[in-house]
Protein backbone atom coordinates (compact mmCIF):
# COMPACT_ATOMS: atom_id res chain seq x y z
CA MET A 1 5.92 -14.85 -5.76
CA ASN A 2 2.25 -14.49 -4.94
CA ASN A 3 -0.06 -17.18 -6.30
CA HIS A 4 -2.73 -14.62 -7.10
CA TRP A 5 -2.51 -11.02 -8.22
CA HIS A 6 -5.13 -8.46 -7.30
CA ARG A 7 -5.50 -6.18 -10.33
CA LEU A 8 -7.38 -2.89 -10.48
CA SER A 9 -8.02 -1.26 -13.83
CA LEU A 10 -8.33 2.51 -13.55
CA ALA A 11 -10.06 4.84 -15.98
CA VAL A 12 -9.98 8.33 -14.50
CA ALA A 13 -11.13 11.44 -16.31
CA ARG A 14 -8.97 14.47 -15.70
CA PRO A 15 -10.70 16.70 -13.11
CA SER A 16 -11.02 20.24 -14.43
CA HIS A 17 -9.63 21.72 -11.22
CA VAL A 18 -6.43 19.63 -11.21
CA ARG A 19 -3.35 21.43 -12.49
CA SER A 20 -0.43 19.66 -14.06
CA GLY A 21 2.89 21.30 -14.64
CA PRO A 22 6.49 21.37 -13.44
CA TYR A 23 7.05 18.82 -10.73
CA PHE A 24 9.48 19.05 -7.83
CA MET A 25 9.86 15.34 -7.11
CA PRO A 26 12.21 13.46 -9.48
CA ARG A 27 10.52 10.57 -11.24
CA HIS A 28 13.46 8.16 -10.96
CA ALA A 29 15.10 7.58 -7.62
CA HIS A 30 18.42 6.50 -9.03
CA LYS A 31 19.12 9.74 -10.90
CA PRO A 32 21.20 12.36 -9.05
CA PHE A 33 19.60 15.70 -8.29
CA LEU A 34 20.10 18.74 -6.08
CA LYS A 35 18.85 18.70 -2.51
CA LEU A 36 15.73 20.83 -2.19
CA CYS A 37 13.29 21.63 0.60
CA ILE A 38 9.79 22.54 -0.54
CA CYS A 39 7.54 24.29 1.99
CA VAL A 40 4.11 25.55 0.93
CA GLU A 41 1.30 26.24 3.41
CA GLY A 42 2.87 24.00 6.01
CA LEU A 43 3.69 21.17 3.58
CA CYS A 44 7.43 20.56 3.68
CA ILE A 45 9.20 17.84 1.74
CA LEU A 46 12.97 17.40 1.65
CA VAL A 47 14.33 15.69 -1.42
CA GLY A 48 17.95 15.01 -2.16
CA PRO A 49 20.62 12.31 -2.41
CA ARG A 50 20.89 10.18 0.70
CA GLU A 51 21.41 6.61 1.82
CA TRP A 52 18.33 4.35 1.81
CA PRO A 53 18.55 1.72 4.56
CA ALA A 54 16.04 -1.12 4.47
CA CYS A 55 12.79 -0.29 6.25
CA SER A 56 12.83 -2.94 8.97
CA ALA A 57 10.00 -1.32 10.94
CA LEU A 58 7.45 -2.66 8.43
CA GLU A 59 7.03 -6.21 7.25
CA PRO A 60 6.82 -6.28 3.44
CA GLY A 61 3.36 -7.17 2.23
CA ALA A 62 -0.15 -5.80 1.85
CA TYR A 63 -2.03 -3.80 4.48
CA GLN A 64 -5.45 -2.15 4.52
CA THR A 65 -7.27 0.57 6.40
CA LEU A 66 -10.09 -0.32 8.77
CA PRO A 67 -13.75 0.26 7.85
CA GLY A 68 -14.93 3.74 8.77
CA ALA A 69 -11.54 5.44 8.35
CA THR A 70 -11.62 9.17 7.52
CA VAL A 71 -9.22 11.99 6.67
CA VAL A 72 -9.51 15.77 6.84
CA GLU A 73 -9.39 17.74 3.57
CA ARG A 74 -8.70 21.47 3.80
CA GLY A 75 -8.29 24.14 1.16
CA ASP A 76 -9.62 27.32 -0.38
CA ARG A 77 -11.55 25.23 -2.95
CA VAL A 78 -12.94 22.74 -0.43
CA PRO A 79 -16.59 23.28 0.62
CA ASN A 80 -16.51 25.36 3.82
CA GLU A 81 -12.69 25.18 3.47
CA SER A 82 -12.64 21.95 5.48
CA ARG A 83 -14.43 18.60 5.36
CA ILE A 84 -14.09 15.08 6.74
CA VAL A 85 -14.14 12.48 3.96
CA PRO A 86 -14.27 8.65 4.03
CA PHE A 87 -10.96 7.08 3.18
CA SER A 88 -9.90 3.53 2.39
CA ALA A 89 -6.71 2.13 0.92
CA ILE A 90 -4.77 -1.05 0.27
CA LEU A 91 -1.03 -0.45 0.68
CA THR A 92 1.75 -2.74 -0.43
CA PHE A 93 5.21 -2.28 1.08
CA ASP A 94 8.32 -3.64 -0.64
CA GLY A 95 11.65 -3.67 1.17
CA GLY A 96 13.69 -3.42 -2.03
CA GLU A 97 17.46 -3.69 -2.33
CA SER A 98 18.18 0.04 -2.70
CA GLN A 99 15.23 1.62 -0.87
CA PRO A 100 11.77 0.65 0.38
CA SER A 101 8.80 1.44 -1.83
CA LEU A 102 5.09 1.86 -1.38
CA THR A 103 2.07 1.37 -3.65
CA ALA A 104 -1.33 2.56 -2.41
CA VAL A 105 -4.60 1.71 -4.15
CA ILE A 106 -7.22 4.24 -3.03
CA PRO A 107 -10.78 3.72 -4.34
CA ASN A 108 -12.10 7.00 -2.92
CA ALA A 109 -9.33 9.58 -3.37
CA VAL A 110 -10.28 13.25 -3.49
CA VAL A 111 -8.59 16.38 -4.84
CA GLU A 112 -9.52 20.03 -4.37
CA GLY A 113 -12.96 19.34 -2.86
CA GLY A 114 -14.06 17.19 -5.81
CA ASP A 115 -15.88 13.87 -6.00
CA PRO A 116 -14.12 10.60 -5.02
CA PHE A 117 -12.24 8.70 -7.73
CA ALA A 118 -10.02 5.62 -7.92
CA LEU A 119 -6.27 6.31 -7.72
CA THR A 120 -3.03 4.36 -7.49
CA VAL A 121 -0.19 6.18 -5.72
CA ARG A 122 3.46 5.09 -5.88
CA SER A 123 6.34 6.41 -3.82
CA SER A 124 9.39 8.00 -5.41
CA PHE A 125 11.50 7.78 -2.25
CA GLY A 126 11.40 5.76 0.92
CA ALA A 127 13.59 5.49 4.01
CA GLN A 128 13.66 4.40 7.62
CA LEU A 129 13.78 7.32 10.06
CA ALA A 130 15.82 7.52 13.26
CA ASP A 131 12.81 6.53 15.41
CA GLY A 132 12.25 3.35 13.36
CA SER A 133 9.26 4.63 11.42
CA CYS A 134 9.22 4.59 7.61
CA SER A 135 8.79 7.66 5.42
CA PHE A 136 7.60 7.77 1.81
CA THR A 137 7.28 10.75 -0.54
CA GLY A 138 6.28 11.28 -4.14
CA ASP A 139 3.87 12.76 -6.66
CA TYR A 140 0.29 11.99 -5.61
CA LEU A 141 -1.15 12.07 -9.17
CA LEU A 142 1.79 10.77 -11.18
CA ASP A 143 -0.10 7.68 -12.36
CA ILE A 144 -2.70 9.93 -14.00
CA TYR A 145 -0.29 12.62 -15.22
CA PRO A 146 3.06 10.99 -16.11
CA SER A 147 4.62 14.37 -16.91
CA GLY A 148 4.35 15.20 -13.19
CA THR A 149 2.26 17.48 -10.98
CA GLN A 150 2.72 19.63 -7.89
CA TYR A 151 0.44 17.44 -5.78
CA LEU A 152 2.95 15.88 -3.39
CA PHE A 153 2.65 13.50 -0.46
CA HIS A 154 4.74 12.77 2.61
CA TRP A 155 3.49 9.74 4.56
CA GLU A 156 5.01 8.05 7.61
CA PHE A 157 4.27 4.62 9.04
CA SER A 158 5.14 3.25 12.47
CA GLU A 159 4.41 -0.06 14.16
CA SER A 160 2.41 0.02 17.39
CA THR A 161 2.87 -2.30 20.35
CA ASN A 162 -0.09 -4.49 19.35
CA GLY A 163 1.35 -5.22 15.88
CA VAL A 164 -0.78 -2.88 13.78
CA VAL A 165 0.71 -0.11 11.64
CA ILE A 166 -0.12 3.57 12.23
CA TRP A 167 -0.29 5.93 9.24
CA ASN A 168 0.30 9.69 9.51
CA GLY A 169 1.07 12.21 6.82
CA ILE A 170 0.18 15.05 4.51
CA THR A 171 -0.86 15.23 0.87
CA GLY A 172 -0.86 18.76 -0.53
CA TRP A 173 -0.60 21.17 -3.43
CA ALA A 174 2.82 22.83 -3.70
CA GLY A 175 1.69 25.58 -6.05
CA GLY A 176 0.00 28.93 -5.54
CA HIS A 177 -2.99 28.11 -3.33
CA TYR A 178 -3.85 26.08 -0.24
CA TRP A 179 -4.99 22.45 -0.38
CA GLN A 180 -4.05 19.47 1.74
CA ILE A 181 -5.27 16.17 3.14
CA ALA A 182 -4.24 15.38 6.71
CA ILE A 183 -3.90 11.69 7.59
CA SER A 184 -3.84 11.27 11.36
CA ASN A 185 -3.27 8.00 13.22
CA LEU A 186 -5.01 5.72 10.73
CA THR A 187 -4.73 2.06 11.66
CA LEU A 188 -3.50 -0.42 9.03
CA VAL A 189 -3.88 -4.17 9.42
CA PRO A 190 -2.20 -6.86 7.30
CA ARG A 191 -4.24 -8.39 4.48
CA ALA A 192 -4.53 -12.14 4.27
CA GLN A 193 -2.31 -12.98 1.31
CA LEU A 194 -0.67 -16.18 0.13
CA SER A 195 2.87 -16.58 -1.15
CA ILE A 196 4.37 -19.57 -2.93
CA ALA A 197 7.99 -20.65 -3.33
CA SER A 198 9.79 -23.65 -4.76
CA LEU A 199 11.44 -26.03 -2.29
CA GLY A 200 13.06 -28.18 -4.97
CA ALA A 201 12.68 -31.94 -5.26
CA GLY A 202 9.12 -31.61 -6.56
CA SER A 203 7.69 -29.58 -3.67
CA VAL A 204 6.46 -26.03 -3.19
CA GLN A 205 5.83 -24.05 -0.02
CA ILE A 206 2.69 -21.99 0.51
CA GLY A 207 2.80 -19.39 3.26
CA TRP A 208 0.85 -16.64 4.99
CA ALA A 209 1.36 -14.28 7.93
CA THR A 210 0.86 -15.56 11.47
CA ASN A 211 -1.51 -12.64 12.16
CA PHE A 212 -4.23 -14.72 10.50
CA THR A 213 -4.70 -17.47 13.06
CA ASP A 214 -8.46 -17.60 12.35
CA TYR A 215 -7.98 -18.46 8.65
CA VAL A 216 -7.76 -21.88 6.99
CA LEU A 217 -6.00 -22.83 3.75
CA GLU A 218 -8.33 -24.26 1.10
CA TYR A 219 -7.89 -25.58 -2.45
CA ALA A 220 -10.09 -26.27 -5.48
CA PRO A 221 -9.56 -27.33 -9.12
CA ALA A 222 -11.07 -24.06 -10.43
CA LEU A 223 -11.74 -20.56 -9.12
CA SER A 224 -15.43 -20.90 -9.93
CA SER A 225 -15.69 -24.22 -8.14
CA ASP A 226 -18.03 -24.72 -5.22
CA GLY A 227 -15.93 -27.66 -4.07
CA TRP A 228 -13.30 -25.92 -1.94
CA ASN A 229 -11.54 -28.32 0.44
CA ILE A 230 -9.51 -27.59 3.55
CA ALA A 231 -5.84 -28.48 3.05
CA THR A 232 -4.78 -31.12 5.56
CA ASN A 233 -1.03 -30.64 5.09
CA ALA A 234 0.88 -30.05 8.29
CA VAL A 235 1.30 -26.36 9.12
CA THR A 236 4.76 -25.18 10.23
CA THR A 237 5.35 -21.81 11.87
CA ARG A 238 8.64 -20.08 11.12
CA GLY A 239 9.07 -16.58 12.48
CA ASN A 240 6.02 -14.59 11.44
CA ARG A 241 4.90 -17.02 8.70
CA HIS A 242 2.71 -20.12 8.61
CA THR A 243 3.82 -22.51 5.85
CA VAL A 244 2.72 -25.81 4.34
CA SER A 245 4.60 -28.02 1.87
CA VAL A 246 2.65 -29.26 -1.15
CA ASP A 247 3.52 -31.61 -4.01
CA ALA A 248 4.43 -29.40 -6.97
CA ASP A 249 2.47 -31.47 -9.52
CA ALA A 250 -0.67 -31.29 -7.38
CA ALA A 251 -0.23 -27.57 -6.75
CA CYS A 252 -0.11 -26.87 -10.49
CA LEU A 253 -3.62 -28.32 -10.85
CA ARG A 254 -5.16 -26.39 -7.95
CA PHE A 255 -6.12 -22.92 -6.81
CA TYR A 256 -5.46 -21.99 -3.18
CA ARG A 257 -7.10 -19.43 -0.93
CA LEU A 258 -7.36 -18.39 2.71
CA ARG A 259 -10.83 -18.41 4.22
CA LYS A 260 -11.74 -16.72 7.47
CA LEU A 261 -13.44 -19.13 9.84
CA GLY A 262 -17.07 -18.18 10.12
CA GLY A 263 -16.77 -15.78 7.17
CA ARG A 264 -17.38 -15.87 3.44
CA SER A 265 -14.66 -13.58 2.09
CA PRO A 266 -11.66 -15.59 0.75
CA SER A 267 -8.19 -14.19 0.11
CA GLY A 268 -5.72 -15.66 -2.35
């Protein structure tokens, strides 16, 4: 499990131009339903019973967009029918036993040409495609409107040769007018994040991805402490993870974080 949880509390007023109503995407993946292809203004989403192989093209964990990322919003209610808007997101991928899943925290989501607002998006379905990329679909606004909406998304993620993840996809309205957000070749990079696991015999293992070679592991007795110390435990590299073994009793009395060398922004 992760030794620290990043929590975001959302309080979103219902935009007057957002319509809720019958939804096409089932809310529970394990329930059987009829296969259906929805195509509205170029937005096509196929839903139906199928096998869900593990999504090996993506390492489970948290990723984020790069600063300066943008998307294109189009629609008959969008100013000038098209605009480029800033876009940032933290995405967490989970391999899952039955199917992969995705959670996206977007602090500057937009709908129908409106102002940015904070939004959490969760996939209803996920699968690995024939080319190795991963596809996720679902209701874009389900966290705000649990009864379901016709704002649907279809996002695909592929791994590039340099280890970053490329995000492409469409978010759109499947009702009676035209609105969509086009996501084109956005780069995602892993977030520095710690994991902790019991090794038995009074020891625990703290780990982080090998992408973060310019980070150091630090500990302190309290989160508010100014006395963060660099952990001197031996670092072992196994696959794509750096790990250190720590005495379990000592770990229970400490907080751990990753700090970027030369930077001030810790991750835990």
